[in-house]
């Protein structure tokens, strides 16, 4: 029975050690090249895909209309119905041409590269 307890203790120690190493590496802001830049290098990161691969890239890069903004809240935006799937080359229409002002909003999650994020 004591050899089984020793084996369980070894597995527990190894698991805790691996967890601590992963936590330290993921939280310390270490520079792993272009995949995870340090905060001072944040603007030097390289995209994984070309800009044109972004859904409706060309439709996103148009001048903002010179119209008065509409005051909205996050609650109002969440009530808007979702648009059907729009072709990538379709021009902006409807709400996409509006200018909105959100007085209070809070960022829940942000990252530089979602594909390389380590979640513990």
PDB file of N, CA and C in Angstrom:
ATOM      1  N   UNK A   1       0.826  -1.198   0.000  1.00  0.00           N
ATOM      2  CA  UNK A   1       0.000   0.000   0.000  1.00  0.00           C
ATOM      3  C   UNK A   1       0.860   1.247   0.000  1.00  0.00           C
ATOM      4  N   UNK A   2       2.021   1.194   0.651  1.00  0.00           N
ATOM      5  CA  UNK A   2       2.859   2.375   0.734  1.00  0.00           C
ATOM      6  C   UNK A   2       3.446   2.738  -0.621  1.00  0.00           C
ATOM      7  N   UNK A   3       3.721   1.740  -1.488  1.00  0.00           N
ATOM      8  CA  UNK A   3       4.232   2.056  -2.826  1.00  0.00           C
ATOM      9  C   UNK A   3       3.170   2.768  -3.659  1.00  0.00           C
ATOM     10  N   UNK A   4       1.906   2.424  -3.461  1.00  0.00           N
ATOM     11  CA  UNK A   4       0.828   3.130  -4.167  1.00  0.00           C
ATOM     12  C   UNK A   4       0.728   4.577  -3.692  1.00  0.00           C
ATOM     13  N   UNK A   5       0.873   4.798  -2.411  1.00  0.00           N
ATOM     14  CA  UNK A   5       0.819   6.153  -1.871  1.00  0.00           C
ATOM     15  C   UNK A   5       1.991   6.980  -2.384  1.00  0.00           C
ATOM     16  N   UNK A   6       3.171   6.355  -2.464  1.00  0.00           N
ATOM     17  CA  UNK A   6       4.325   7.069  -3.004  1.00  0.00           C
ATOM     18  C   UNK A   6       4.095   7.456  -4.462  1.00  0.00           C
ATOM     19  N   UNK A   7       3.523   6.541  -5.210  1.00  0.00           N
ATOM     20  CA  UNK A   7       3.241   6.810  -6.636  1.00  0.00           C
ATOM     21  C   UNK A   7       2.232   7.951  -6.767  1.00  0.00           C
ATOM     22  N   UNK A   8       1.181   7.950  -5.960  1.00  0.00           N
ATOM     23  CA  UNK A   8       0.183   9.023  -5.977  1.00  0.00           C
ATOM     24  C   UNK A   8       0.832  10.344  -5.589  1.00  0.00           C
ATOM     25  N   UNK A   9       1.701  10.314  -4.591  1.00  0.00           N
ATOM     26  CA  UNK A   9       2.386  11.536  -4.159  1.00  0.00           C
ATOM     27  C   UNK A   9       3.284  12.068  -5.270  1.00  0.00           C
ATOM     28  N   UNK A  10       3.982  11.183  -5.978  1.00  0.00           N
ATOM     29  CA  UNK A  10       4.837  11.611  -7.082  1.00  0.00           C
ATOM     30  C   UNK A  10       4.021  12.247  -8.204  1.00  0.00           C
ATOM     31  N   UNK A  11       2.879  11.638  -8.525  1.00  0.00           N
ATOM     32  CA  UNK A  11       2.012  12.181  -9.576  1.00  0.00           C
ATOM     33  C   UNK A  11       1.482  13.552  -9.163  1.00  0.00           C
ATOM     34  N   UNK A  12       1.095  13.694  -7.907  1.00  0.00           N
ATOM     35  CA  UNK A  12       0.593  14.987  -7.412  1.00  0.00           C
ATOM     36  C   UNK A  12       1.676  16.058  -7.470  1.00  0.00           C
ATOM     37  N   UNK A  13       2.869  15.731  -7.044  1.00  0.00           N
ATOM     38  CA  UNK A  13       3.965  16.693  -7.069  1.00  0.00           C
ATOM     39  C   UNK A  13       4.278  17.097  -8.510  1.00  0.00           C
ATOM     40  N   UNK A  14       4.314  16.132  -9.425  1.00  0.00           N
ATOM     41  CA  UNK A  14       4.586  16.431 -10.839  1.00  0.00           C
ATOM     42  C   UNK A  14       3.487  17.306 -11.422  1.00  0.00           C
ATOM     43  N   UNK A  15       2.231  17.007 -11.101  1.00  0.00           N
ATOM     44  CA  UNK A  15       1.099  17.800 -11.619  1.00  0.00           C
ATOM     45  C   UNK A  15       1.153  19.237 -11.112  1.00  0.00           C
ATOM     46  N   UNK A  16       1.407  19.397  -9.828  1.00  0.00           N
ATOM     47  CA  UNK A  16       1.482  20.743  -9.252  1.00  0.00           C
ATOM     48  C   UNK A  16       2.653  21.508  -9.850  1.00  0.00           C
ATOM     49  N   UNK A  17       3.789  20.846 -10.048  1.00  0.00           N
ATOM     50  CA  UNK A  17       4.953  21.502 -10.645  1.00  0.00           C
ATOM     51  C   UNK A  17       4.655  21.961 -12.069  1.00  0.00           C
ATOM     52  N   UNK A  18       4.039  21.109 -12.863  1.00  0.00           N
ATOM     53  CA  UNK A  18       3.681  21.477 -14.241  1.00  0.00           C
ATOM     54  C   UNK A  18       2.701  22.645 -14.238  1.00  0.00           C
ATOM     55  N   UNK A  19       1.704  22.604 -13.373  1.00  0.00           N
ATOM     56  CA  UNK A  19       0.726  23.685 -13.285  1.00  0.00           C
ATOM     57  C   UNK A  19       1.399  25.008 -12.920  1.00  0.00           C
ATOM     58  N   UNK A  20       2.297  24.973 -11.940  1.00  0.00           N
ATOM     59  CA  UNK A  20       2.980  26.205 -11.526  1.00  0.00           C
ATOM     60  C   UNK A  20       3.861  26.755 -12.642  1.00  0.00           C
ATOM     61  N   UNK A  21       4.568  25.887 -13.347  1.00  0.00           N
ATOM     62  CA  UNK A  21       5.410  26.347 -14.456  1.00  0.00           C
ATOM     63  C   UNK A  21       4.551  26.990 -15.534  1.00  0.00           C
ATOM     64  N   UNK A  22       3.432  26.351 -15.899  1.00  0.00           N
ATOM     65  CA  UNK A  22       2.533  26.937 -16.901  1.00  0.00           C
ATOM     66  C   UNK A  22       1.967  28.275 -16.436  1.00  0.00           C
ATOM     67  N   UNK A  23       1.599  28.376 -15.173  1.00  0.00           N
ATOM     68  CA  UNK A  23       1.061  29.630 -14.649  1.00  0.00           C
ATOM     69  C   UNK A  23       2.104  30.735 -14.691  1.00  0.00           C
ATOM     70  N   UNK A  24       3.319  30.420 -14.310  1.00  0.00           N
ATOM     71  CA  UNK A  24       4.392  31.430 -14.310  1.00  0.00           C
ATOM     72  C   UNK A  24       4.690  31.887 -15.731  1.00  0.00           C
ATOM     73  N   UNK A  25       4.792  30.955 -16.662  1.00  0.00           N
ATOM     74  CA  UNK A  25       5.115  31.300 -18.048  1.00  0.00           C
ATOM     75  C   UNK A  25       3.986  32.101 -18.681  1.00  0.00           C
ATOM     76  N   UNK A  26       2.736  31.719 -18.432  1.00  0.00           N
ATOM     77  CA  UNK A  26       1.626  32.410 -19.084  1.00  0.00           C
ATOM     78  C   UNK A  26       1.344  33.775 -18.474  1.00  0.00           C
ATOM     79  N   UNK A  27       1.707  33.999 -17.227  1.00  0.00           N
ATOM     80  CA  UNK A  27       1.384  35.262 -16.569  1.00  0.00           C
ATOM     81  C   UNK A  27       2.552  36.242 -16.494  1.00  0.00           C
ATOM     82  N   UNK A  28       3.733  35.828 -16.870  1.00  0.00           N
ATOM     83  CA  UNK A  28       4.885  36.693 -16.651  1.00  0.00           C
ATOM     84  C   UNK A  28       5.174  37.631 -17.807  1.00  0.00           C
ATOM     85  N   UNK A  29       4.459  37.496 -18.931  1.00  0.00           N
ATOM     86  CA  UNK A  29       4.700  38.381 -20.059  1.00  0.00           C
ATOM     87  C   UNK A  29       6.009  38.084 -20.763  1.00  0.00           C
ATOM     88  N   UNK A  30       6.462  36.848 -20.699  1.00  0.00           N
ATOM     89  CA  UNK A  30       7.699  36.470 -21.377  1.00  0.00           C
ATOM     90  C   UNK A  30       7.545  36.673 -22.872  1.00  0.00           C
ATOM     91  N   UNK A  31       8.630  36.982 -23.526  1.00  0.00           N
ATOM     92  CA  UNK A  31       8.614  37.205 -24.964  1.00  0.00           C
ATOM     93  C   UNK A  31       8.917  35.893 -25.679  1.00  0.00           C
ATOM     94  N   UNK A  32       7.920  35.344 -26.351  1.00  0.00           N
ATOM     95  CA  UNK A  32       8.096  34.129 -27.125  1.00  0.00           C
ATOM     96  C   UNK A  32       8.114  34.468 -28.605  1.00  0.00           C
ATOM     97  N   UNK A  33       8.805  35.534 -28.971  1.00  0.00           N
ATOM     98  CA  UNK A  33       8.884  35.928 -30.376  1.00  0.00           C
ATOM     99  C   UNK A  33       7.645  36.677 -30.813  1.00  0.00           C
ATOM    100  N   UNK A  34       7.275  36.515 -32.075  1.00  0.00           N
ATOM    101  CA  UNK A  34       6.144  37.270 -32.617  1.00  0.00           C
ATOM    102  C   UNK A  34       4.816  36.719 -32.134  1.00  0.00           C
ATOM    103  N   UNK A  35       4.799  35.531 -31.539  1.00  0.00           N
ATOM    104  CA  UNK A  35       3.543  34.948 -31.098  1.00  0.00           C
ATOM    105  C   UNK A  35       3.013  35.585 -29.826  1.00  0.00           C
ATOM    106  N   UNK A  36       3.883  36.008 -28.920  1.00  0.00           N
ATOM    107  CA  UNK A  36       3.454  36.645 -27.679  1.00  0.00           C
ATOM    108  C   UNK A  36       4.431  37.753 -27.330  1.00  0.00           C
ATOM    109  N   UNK A  37       4.256  38.936 -27.915  1.00  0.00           N
ATOM    110  CA  UNK A  37       5.191  40.018 -27.645  1.00  0.00           C
ATOM    111  C   UNK A  37       5.030  40.572 -26.238  1.00  0.00           C
ATOM    112  N   UNK A  38       6.089  41.166 -25.717  1.00  0.00           N
ATOM    113  CA  UNK A  38       6.006  41.842 -24.434  1.00  0.00           C
ATOM    114  C   UNK A  38       5.237  43.151 -24.631  1.00  0.00           C
ATOM    115  N   UNK A  39       4.700  43.742 -23.572  1.00  0.00           N
ATOM    116  CA  UNK A  39       3.916  44.975 -23.733  1.00  0.00           C
ATOM    117  C   UNK A  39       4.648  46.085 -24.476  1.00  0.00           C
ATOM    118  N   UNK A  40       5.952  46.213 -24.287  1.00  0.00           N
ATOM    119  CA  UNK A  40       6.682  47.275 -24.979  1.00  0.00           C
ATOM    120  C   UNK A  40       6.774  47.007 -26.481  1.00  0.00           C
ATOM    121  N   UNK A  41       6.660  45.734 -26.893  1.00  0.00           N
ATOM    122  CA  UNK A  41       6.730  45.369 -28.300  1.00  0.00           C
ATOM    123  C   UNK A  41       5.354  45.131 -28.920  1.00  0.00           C
ATOM    124  N   UNK A  42       4.299  45.495 -28.225  1.00  0.00           N
ATOM    125  CA  UNK A  42       2.949  45.140 -28.652  1.00  0.00           C
ATOM    126  C   UNK A  42       2.629  45.604 -30.062  1.00  0.00           C
ATOM    127  N   UNK A  43       3.111  46.741 -30.475  1.00  0.00           N
ATOM    128  CA  UNK A  43       2.801  47.257 -31.808  1.00  0.00           C
ATOM    129  C   UNK A  43       3.675  46.638 -32.893  1.00  0.00           C
ATOM    130  N   UNK A  44       4.606  45.786 -32.517  1.00  0.00           N
ATOM    131  CA  UNK A  44       5.475  45.151 -33.496  1.00  0.00           C
ATOM    132  C   UNK A  44       5.020  43.729 -33.828  1.00  0.00           C
ATOM    133  N   UNK A  45       3.830  43.316 -33.358  1.00  0.00           N
ATOM    134  CA  UNK A  45       3.388  41.953 -33.615  1.00  0.00           C
ATOM    135  C   UNK A  45       3.027  41.770 -35.087  1.00  0.00           C
ATOM    136  N   UNK A  46       3.139  40.541 -35.550  1.00  0.00           N
ATOM    137  CA  UNK A  46       2.862  40.228 -36.939  1.00  0.00           C
ATOM    138  C   UNK A  46       1.573  39.435 -37.046  1.00  0.00           C
ATOM    139  N   UNK A  47       0.717  39.750 -38.014  1.00  0.00           N
ATOM    140  CA  UNK A  47      -0.527  38.999 -38.165  1.00  0.00           C
ATOM    141  C   UNK A  47      -0.265  37.586 -38.664  1.00  0.00           C
ATOM    142  N   UNK A  48      -1.144  36.675 -38.287  1.00  0.00           N
ATOM    143  CA  UNK A  48      -1.028  35.297 -38.741  1.00  0.00           C
ATOM    144  C   UNK A  48      -1.546  35.164 -40.164  1.00  0.00           C
ATOM    145  N   UNK A  49      -2.609  35.907 -40.484  1.00  0.00           N
ATOM    146  CA  UNK A  49      -3.214  35.861 -41.814  1.00  0.00           C
ATOM    147  C   UNK A  49      -3.162  37.246 -42.441  1.00  0.00           C
ATOM    148  N   UNK A  50      -3.266  37.327 -43.761  1.00  0.00           N
ATOM    149  CA  UNK A  50      -3.293  38.649 -44.403  1.00  0.00           C
ATOM    150  C   UNK A  50      -4.589  39.387 -44.063  1.00  0.00           C
ATOM    151  N   UNK A  51      -4.567  40.716 -44.143  1.00  0.00           N
ATOM    152  CA  UNK A  51      -5.742  41.526 -43.816  1.00  0.00           C
ATOM    153  C   UNK A  51      -6.963  41.124 -44.625  1.00  0.00           C
ATOM    154  N   UNK A  52      -6.772  40.794 -45.867  1.00  0.00           N
ATOM    155  CA  UNK A  52      -7.898  40.496 -46.746  1.00  0.00           C
ATOM    156  C   UNK A  52      -8.641  39.235 -46.304  1.00  0.00           C
ATOM    157  N   UNK A  53      -8.018  38.392 -45.472  1.00  0.00           N
ATOM    158  CA  UNK A  53      -8.676  37.189 -44.959  1.00  0.00           C
ATOM    159  C   UNK A  53      -9.720  37.542 -43.897  1.00  0.00           C
ATOM    160  N   UNK A  54      -9.662  38.748 -43.346  1.00  0.00           N
ATOM    161  CA  UNK A  54     -10.630  39.188 -42.353  1.00  0.00           C
ATOM    162  C   UNK A  54     -11.998  39.333 -43.011  1.00  0.00           C
ATOM    163  N   UNK A  55     -13.044  38.824 -42.377  1.00  0.00           N
ATOM    164  CA  UNK A  55     -14.384  38.875 -42.948  1.00  0.00           C
ATOM    165  C   UNK A  55     -14.794  40.318 -43.243  1.00  0.00           C
ATOM    166  N   UNK A  56     -15.128  40.592 -44.472  1.00  0.00           N
ATOM    167  CA  UNK A  56     -15.572  41.896 -44.965  1.00  0.00           C
ATOM    168  C   UNK A  56     -14.519  42.973 -44.714  1.00  0.00           C
ATOM    169  N   UNK A  57     -13.284  42.662 -44.910  1.00  0.00           N
ATOM    170  CA  UNK A  57     -12.184  43.596 -44.674  1.00  0.00           C
ATOM    171  C   UNK A  57     -12.377  44.908 -45.427  1.00  0.00           C
ATOM    172  N   UNK A  58     -12.716  44.831 -46.701  1.00  0.00           N
ATOM    173  CA  UNK A  58     -12.868  46.053 -47.499  1.00  0.00           C
ATOM    174  C   UNK A  58     -14.049  46.894 -47.022  1.00  0.00           C
ATOM    175  N   UNK A  59     -15.141  46.242 -46.571  1.00  0.00           N
ATOM    176  CA  UNK A  59     -16.304  46.984 -46.080  1.00  0.00           C
ATOM    177  C   UNK A  59     -15.995  47.699 -44.764  1.00  0.00           C
ATOM    178  N   UNK A  60     -15.025  47.202 -44.011  1.00  0.00           N
ATOM    179  CA  UNK A  60     -14.663  47.820 -42.736  1.00  0.00           C
ATOM    180  C   UNK A  60     -13.802  49.058 -42.920  1.00  0.00           C
ATOM    181  N   UNK A  61     -13.127  49.161 -44.038  1.00  0.00           N
ATOM    182  CA  UNK A  61     -12.199  50.262 -44.253  1.00  0.00           C
ATOM    183  C   UNK A  61     -12.796  51.304 -45.179  1.00  0.00           C
ATOM    184  N   UNK A  62     -13.815  51.976 -44.654  1.00  0.00           N
ATOM    185  CA  UNK A  62     -14.472  53.066 -45.377  1.00  0.00           C
ATOM    186  C   UNK A  62     -14.508  54.267 -44.437  1.00  0.00           C
ATOM    187  N   UNK A  63     -14.617  55.467 -44.971  1.00  0.00           N
ATOM    188  CA  UNK A  63     -14.678  56.648 -44.095  1.00  0.00           C
ATOM    189  C   UNK A  63     -15.916  56.623 -43.193  1.00  0.00           C
ATOM    190  N   UNK A  64     -15.761  57.138 -41.989  1.00  0.00           N
ATOM    191  CA  UNK A  64     -16.902  57.247 -41.070  1.00  0.00           C
ATOM    192  C   UNK A  64     -17.794  58.375 -41.577  1.00  0.00           C
ATOM    193  N   UNK A  65     -19.112  58.125 -41.698  1.00  0.00           N
ATOM    194  CA  UNK A  65     -20.004  59.174 -42.201  1.00  0.00           C
ATOM    195  C   UNK A  65     -19.991  60.408 -41.297  1.00  0.00           C
ATOM    196  N   UNK A  66     -20.157  61.572 -41.876  1.00  0.00           N
ATOM    197  CA  UNK A  66     -20.182  62.825 -41.131  1.00  0.00           C
ATOM    198  C   UNK A  66     -21.619  63.124 -40.725  1.00  0.00           C
ATOM    199  N   UNK A  67     -22.131  62.333 -39.782  1.00  0.00           N
ATOM    200  CA  UNK A  67     -23.494  62.513 -39.280  1.00  0.00           C
ATOM    201  C   UNK A  67     -23.437  62.544 -37.754  1.00  0.00           C
ATOM    202  N   UNK A  68     -24.521  63.022 -37.141  1.00  0.00           N
ATOM    203  CA  UNK A  68     -24.574  63.081 -35.679  1.00  0.00           C
ATOM    204  C   UNK A  68     -24.654  61.663 -35.114  1.00  0.00           C
ATOM    205  N   UNK A  69     -23.925  61.443 -34.022  1.00  0.00           N
ATOM    206  CA  UNK A  69     -23.952  60.108 -33.432  1.00  0.00           C
ATOM    207  C   UNK A  69     -25.233  59.893 -32.648  1.00  0.00           C
ATOM    208  N   UNK A  70     -25.611  58.642 -32.525  1.00  0.00           N
ATOM    209  CA  UNK A  70     -26.788  58.268 -31.736  1.00  0.00           C
ATOM    210  C   UNK A  70     -26.296  57.706 -30.408  1.00  0.00           C
ATOM    211  N   UNK A  71     -26.855  58.214 -29.299  1.00  0.00           N
ATOM    212  CA  UNK A  71     -26.495  57.671 -27.997  1.00  0.00           C
ATOM    213  C   UNK A  71     -27.194  56.335 -27.806  1.00  0.00           C
ATOM    214  N   UNK A  72     -26.405  55.294 -27.551  1.00  0.00           N
ATOM    215  CA  UNK A  72     -26.955  53.960 -27.304  1.00  0.00           C
ATOM    216  C   UNK A  72     -26.237  53.363 -26.101  1.00  0.00           C
ATOM    217  N   UNK A  73     -26.808  52.311 -25.569  1.00  0.00           N
ATOM    218  CA  UNK A  73     -26.179  51.582 -24.471  1.00  0.00           C
ATOM    219  C   UNK A  73     -25.905  50.158 -24.940  1.00  0.00           C
ATOM    220  N   UNK A  74     -25.131  49.457 -24.158  1.00  0.00           N
ATOM    221  CA  UNK A  74     -24.846  48.063 -24.492  1.00  0.00           C
ATOM    222  C   UNK A  74     -26.141  47.257 -24.494  1.00  0.00           C
ATOM    223  N   UNK A  75     -27.045  47.554 -23.570  1.00  0.00           N
ATOM    224  CA  UNK A  75     -28.324  46.841 -23.512  1.00  0.00           C
ATOM    225  C   UNK A  75     -29.107  47.015 -24.815  1.00  0.00           C
ATOM    226  N   UNK A  76     -29.095  48.216 -25.371  1.00  0.00           N
ATOM    227  CA  UNK A  76     -29.788  48.464 -26.647  1.00  0.00           C
ATOM    228  C   UNK A  76     -29.127  47.676 -27.772  1.00  0.00           C
ATOM    229  N   UNK A  77     -27.809  47.700 -27.816  1.00  0.00           N
ATOM    230  CA  UNK A  77     -27.097  46.977 -28.877  1.00  0.00           C
ATOM    231  C   UNK A  77     -27.392  45.481 -28.804  1.00  0.00           C
ATOM    232  N   UNK A  78     -27.484  44.932 -27.601  1.00  0.00           N
ATOM    233  CA  UNK A  78     -27.757  43.506 -27.456  1.00  0.00           C
ATOM    234  C   UNK A  78     -29.162  43.123 -27.898  1.00  0.00           C
ATOM    235  N   UNK A  79     -30.067  44.105 -27.996  1.00  0.00           N
ATOM    236  CA  UNK A  79     -31.421  43.796 -28.473  1.00  0.00           C
ATOM    237  C   UNK A  79     -31.522  43.831 -29.998  1.00  0.00           C
ATOM    238  N   UNK A  80     -30.509  44.359 -30.676  1.00  0.00           N
ATOM    239  CA  UNK A  80     -30.561  44.421 -32.130  1.00  0.00           C
ATOM    240  C   UNK A  80     -30.546  43.007 -32.700  1.00  0.00           C
ATOM    241  N   UNK A  81     -31.378  42.756 -33.711  1.00  0.00           N
ATOM    242  CA  UNK A  81     -31.344  41.426 -34.324  1.00  0.00           C
ATOM    243  C   UNK A  81     -30.050  41.232 -35.106  1.00  0.00           C
ATOM    244  N   UNK A  82     -29.609  39.993 -35.171  1.00  0.00           N
ATOM    245  CA  UNK A  82     -28.398  39.710 -35.933  1.00  0.00           C
ATOM    246  C   UNK A  82     -28.728  39.726 -37.417  1.00  0.00           C
ATOM    247  N   UNK A  83     -27.804  40.261 -38.179  1.00  0.00           N
ATOM    248  CA  UNK A  83     -27.976  40.280 -39.625  1.00  0.00           C
ATOM    249  C   UNK A  83     -27.718  38.889 -40.181  1.00  0.00           C
ATOM    250  N   UNK A  84     -28.359  38.576 -41.301  1.00  0.00           N
ATOM    251  CA  UNK A  84     -28.029  37.300 -41.937  1.00  0.00           C
ATOM    252  C   UNK A  84     -26.578  37.355 -42.437  1.00  0.00           C
ATOM    253  N   UNK A  85     -26.072  36.238 -42.859  1.00  0.00           N
ATOM    254  CA  UNK A  85     -24.699  36.199 -43.371  1.00  0.00           C
ATOM    255  C   UNK A  85     -24.631  37.089 -44.610  1.00  0.00           C
ATOM    256  N   UNK A  86     -23.682  38.003 -44.588  1.00  0.00           N
ATOM    257  CA  UNK A  86     -23.541  38.984 -45.664  1.00  0.00           C
ATOM    258  C   UNK A  86     -22.348  38.577 -46.519  1.00  0.00           C
ATOM    259  N   UNK A  87     -22.464  38.650 -47.832  1.00  0.00           N
ATOM    260  CA  UNK A  87     -21.325  38.311 -48.685  1.00  0.00           C
ATOM    261  C   UNK A  87     -20.114  39.202 -48.372  1.00  0.00           C
ATOM    262  N   UNK A  88     -18.918  38.659 -48.494  1.00  0.00           N
ATOM    263  CA  UNK A  88     -17.711  39.418 -48.145  1.00  0.00           C
ATOM    264  C   UNK A  88     -17.529  40.705 -48.935  1.00  0.00           C
ATOM    265  N   UNK A  89     -18.047  40.770 -50.152  1.00  0.00           N
ATOM    266  CA  UNK A  89     -17.849  41.963 -50.973  1.00  0.00           C
ATOM    267  C   UNK A  89     -19.035  42.923 -50.932  1.00  0.00           C
ATOM    268  N   UNK A  90     -20.001  42.666 -50.049  1.00  0.00           N
ATOM    269  CA  UNK A  90     -21.181  43.535 -49.963  1.00  0.00           C
ATOM    270  C   UNK A  90     -20.821  44.863 -49.307  1.00  0.00           C
ATOM    271  N   UNK A  91     -21.342  45.982 -49.811  1.00  0.00           N
ATOM    272  CA  UNK A  91     -21.076  47.277 -49.171  1.00  0.00           C
ATOM    273  C   UNK A  91     -21.858  47.405 -47.859  1.00  0.00           C
ATOM    274  N   UNK A  92     -21.492  48.373 -47.070  1.00  0.00           N
ATOM    275  CA  UNK A  92     -22.200  48.619 -45.805  1.00  0.00           C
ATOM    276  C   UNK A  92     -23.608  49.139 -46.076  1.00  0.00           C
ATOM    277  N   UNK A  93     -24.548  48.680 -45.262  1.00  0.00           N
ATOM    278  CA  UNK A  93     -25.937  49.140 -45.368  1.00  0.00           C
ATOM    279  C   UNK A  93     -26.536  49.242 -43.975  1.00  0.00           C
ATOM    280  N   UNK A  94     -27.643  49.939 -43.858  1.00  0.00           N
ATOM    281  CA  UNK A  94     -28.394  50.009 -42.603  1.00  0.00           C
ATOM    282  C   UNK A  94     -27.578  50.522 -41.439  1.00  0.00           C
ATOM    283  N   UNK A  95     -27.632  49.758 -40.312  1.00  0.00           N
ATOM    284  CA  UNK A  95     -26.934  50.161 -39.089  1.00  0.00           C
ATOM    285  C   UNK A  95     -25.433  50.277 -39.276  1.00  0.00           C
ATOM    286  N   UNK A  96     -24.882  49.577 -40.264  1.00  0.00           N
ATOM    287  CA  UNK A  96     -23.442  49.644 -40.493  1.00  0.00           C
ATOM    288  C   UNK A  96     -22.994  51.040 -40.911  1.00  0.00           C
ATOM    289  N   UNK A  97     -23.916  51.845 -41.403  1.00  0.00           N
ATOM    290  CA  UNK A  97     -23.585  53.211 -41.819  1.00  0.00           C
ATOM    291  C   UNK A  97     -23.839  54.231 -40.723  1.00  0.00           C
ATOM    292  N   UNK A  98     -24.287  53.781 -39.552  1.00  0.00           N
ATOM    293  CA  UNK A  98     -24.573  54.698 -38.456  1.00  0.00           C
ATOM    294  C   UNK A  98     -23.327  55.001 -37.634  1.00  0.00           C
ATOM    295  N   UNK A  99     -23.429  56.070 -36.842  1.00  0.00           N
ATOM    296  CA  UNK A  99     -22.374  56.445 -35.906  1.00  0.00           C
ATOM    297  C   UNK A  99     -23.003  56.441 -34.523  1.00  0.00           C
ATOM    298  N   UNK A 100     -22.404  55.678 -33.610  1.00  0.00           N
ATOM    299  CA  UNK A 100     -23.005  55.482 -32.296  1.00  0.00           C
ATOM    300  C   UNK A 100     -22.052  55.917 -31.191  1.00  0.00           C
ATOM    301  N   UNK A 101     -22.643  56.395 -30.096  1.00  0.00           N
ATOM    302  CA  UNK A 101     -21.885  56.783 -28.913  1.00  0.00           C
ATOM    303  C   UNK A 101     -22.348  55.908 -27.761  1.00  0.00           C
ATOM    304  N   UNK A 102     -21.406  55.198 -27.142  1.00  0.00           N
ATOM    305  CA  UNK A 102     -21.709  54.363 -25.982  1.00  0.00           C
ATOM    306  C   UNK A 102     -21.048  55.021 -24.782  1.00  0.00           C
ATOM    307  N   UNK A 103     -21.854  55.531 -23.868  1.00  0.00           N
ATOM    308  CA  UNK A 103     -21.321  56.280 -22.727  1.00  0.00           C
ATOM    309  C   UNK A 103     -20.571  55.375 -21.751  1.00  0.00           C
ATOM    310  N   UNK A 104     -21.132  54.225 -21.424  1.00  0.00           N
ATOM    311  CA  UNK A 104     -20.509  53.317 -20.455  1.00  0.00           C
ATOM    312  C   UNK A 104     -20.451  51.914 -21.023  1.00  0.00           C
ATOM    313  N   UNK A 105     -19.257  51.413 -21.155  1.00  0.00           N
ATOM    314  CA  UNK A 105     -19.045  50.030 -21.580  1.00  0.00           C
ATOM    315  C   UNK A 105     -17.772  49.540 -20.921  1.00  0.00           C
ATOM    316  N   UNK A 106     -17.715  48.256 -20.659  1.00  0.00           N
ATOM    317  CA  UNK A 106     -16.565  47.685 -19.985  1.00  0.00           C
ATOM    318  C   UNK A 106     -16.024  46.528 -20.797  1.00  0.00           C
ATOM    319  N   UNK A 107     -14.727  46.453 -20.887  1.00  0.00           N
ATOM    320  CA  UNK A 107     -14.060  45.391 -21.620  1.00  0.00           C
ATOM    321  C   UNK A 107     -14.001  44.152 -20.749  1.00  0.00           C
ATOM    322  N   UNK A 108     -14.537  43.053 -21.275  1.00  0.00           N
ATOM    323  CA  UNK A 108     -14.536  41.815 -20.517  1.00  0.00           C
ATOM    324  C   UNK A 108     -13.315  40.955 -20.823  1.00  0.00           C
ATOM    325  N   UNK A 109     -12.886  40.939 -22.078  1.00  0.00           N
ATOM    326  CA  UNK A 109     -11.758  40.098 -22.452  1.00  0.00           C
ATOM    327  C   UNK A 109     -11.063  40.686 -23.667  1.00  0.00           C
ATOM    328  N   UNK A 110      -9.749  40.669 -23.662  1.00  0.00           N
ATOM    329  CA  UNK A 110      -8.983  41.141 -24.811  1.00  0.00           C
ATOM    330  C   UNK A 110      -7.682  40.374 -24.857  1.00  0.00           C
ATOM    331  N   UNK A 111      -7.211  40.127 -26.077  1.00  0.00           N
ATOM    332  CA  UNK A 111      -5.920  39.477 -26.222  1.00  0.00           C
ATOM    333  C   UNK A 111      -5.335  39.837 -27.568  1.00  0.00           C
ATOM    334  N   UNK A 112      -4.047  39.625 -27.697  1.00  0.00           N
ATOM    335  CA  UNK A 112      -3.354  39.959 -28.927  1.00  0.00           C
ATOM    336  C   UNK A 112      -3.563  38.872 -29.961  1.00  0.00           C
ATOM    337  N   UNK A 113      -3.529  37.639 -29.543  1.00  0.00           N
ATOM    338  CA  UNK A 113      -3.624  36.529 -30.472  1.00  0.00           C
ATOM    339  C   UNK A 113      -4.407  35.411 -29.802  1.00  0.00           C
ATOM    340  N   UNK A 114      -5.691  35.307 -30.103  1.00  0.00           N
ATOM    341  CA  UNK A 114      -6.557  34.331 -29.442  1.00  0.00           C
ATOM    342  C   UNK A 114      -6.115  32.896 -29.674  1.00  0.00           C
ATOM    343  N   UNK A 115      -5.513  32.611 -30.812  1.00  0.00           N
ATOM    344  CA  UNK A 115      -5.106  31.248 -31.118  1.00  0.00           C
ATOM    345  C   UNK A 115      -3.980  30.771 -30.216  1.00  0.00           C
ATOM    346  N   UNK A 116      -3.175  31.673 -29.696  1.00  0.00           N
ATOM    347  CA  UNK A 116      -2.030  31.289 -28.884  1.00  0.00           C
ATOM    348  C   UNK A 116      -2.257  31.516 -27.400  1.00  0.00           C
ATOM    349  N   UNK A 117      -3.463  31.845 -26.982  1.00  0.00           N
ATOM    350  CA  UNK A 117      -3.755  32.129 -25.587  1.00  0.00           C
ATOM    351  C   UNK A 117      -3.733  30.841 -24.766  1.00  0.00           C
ATOM    352  N   UNK A 118      -3.123  30.879 -23.600  1.00  0.00           N
ATOM    353  CA  UNK A 118      -3.122  29.742 -22.681  1.00  0.00           C
ATOM    354  C   UNK A 118      -4.120  30.057 -21.590  1.00  0.00           C
ATOM    355  N   UNK A 119      -5.100  29.192 -21.426  1.00  0.00           N
ATOM    356  CA  UNK A 119      -6.120  29.387 -20.403  1.00  0.00           C
ATOM    357  C   UNK A 119      -5.894  28.374 -19.302  1.00  0.00           C
ATOM    358  N   UNK A 120      -5.794  28.868 -18.079  1.00  0.00           N
ATOM    359  CA  UNK A 120      -5.606  27.967 -16.925  1.00  0.00           C
ATOM    360  C   UNK A 120      -6.849  27.956 -16.088  1.00  0.00           C
TER     361      UNK A 120
END
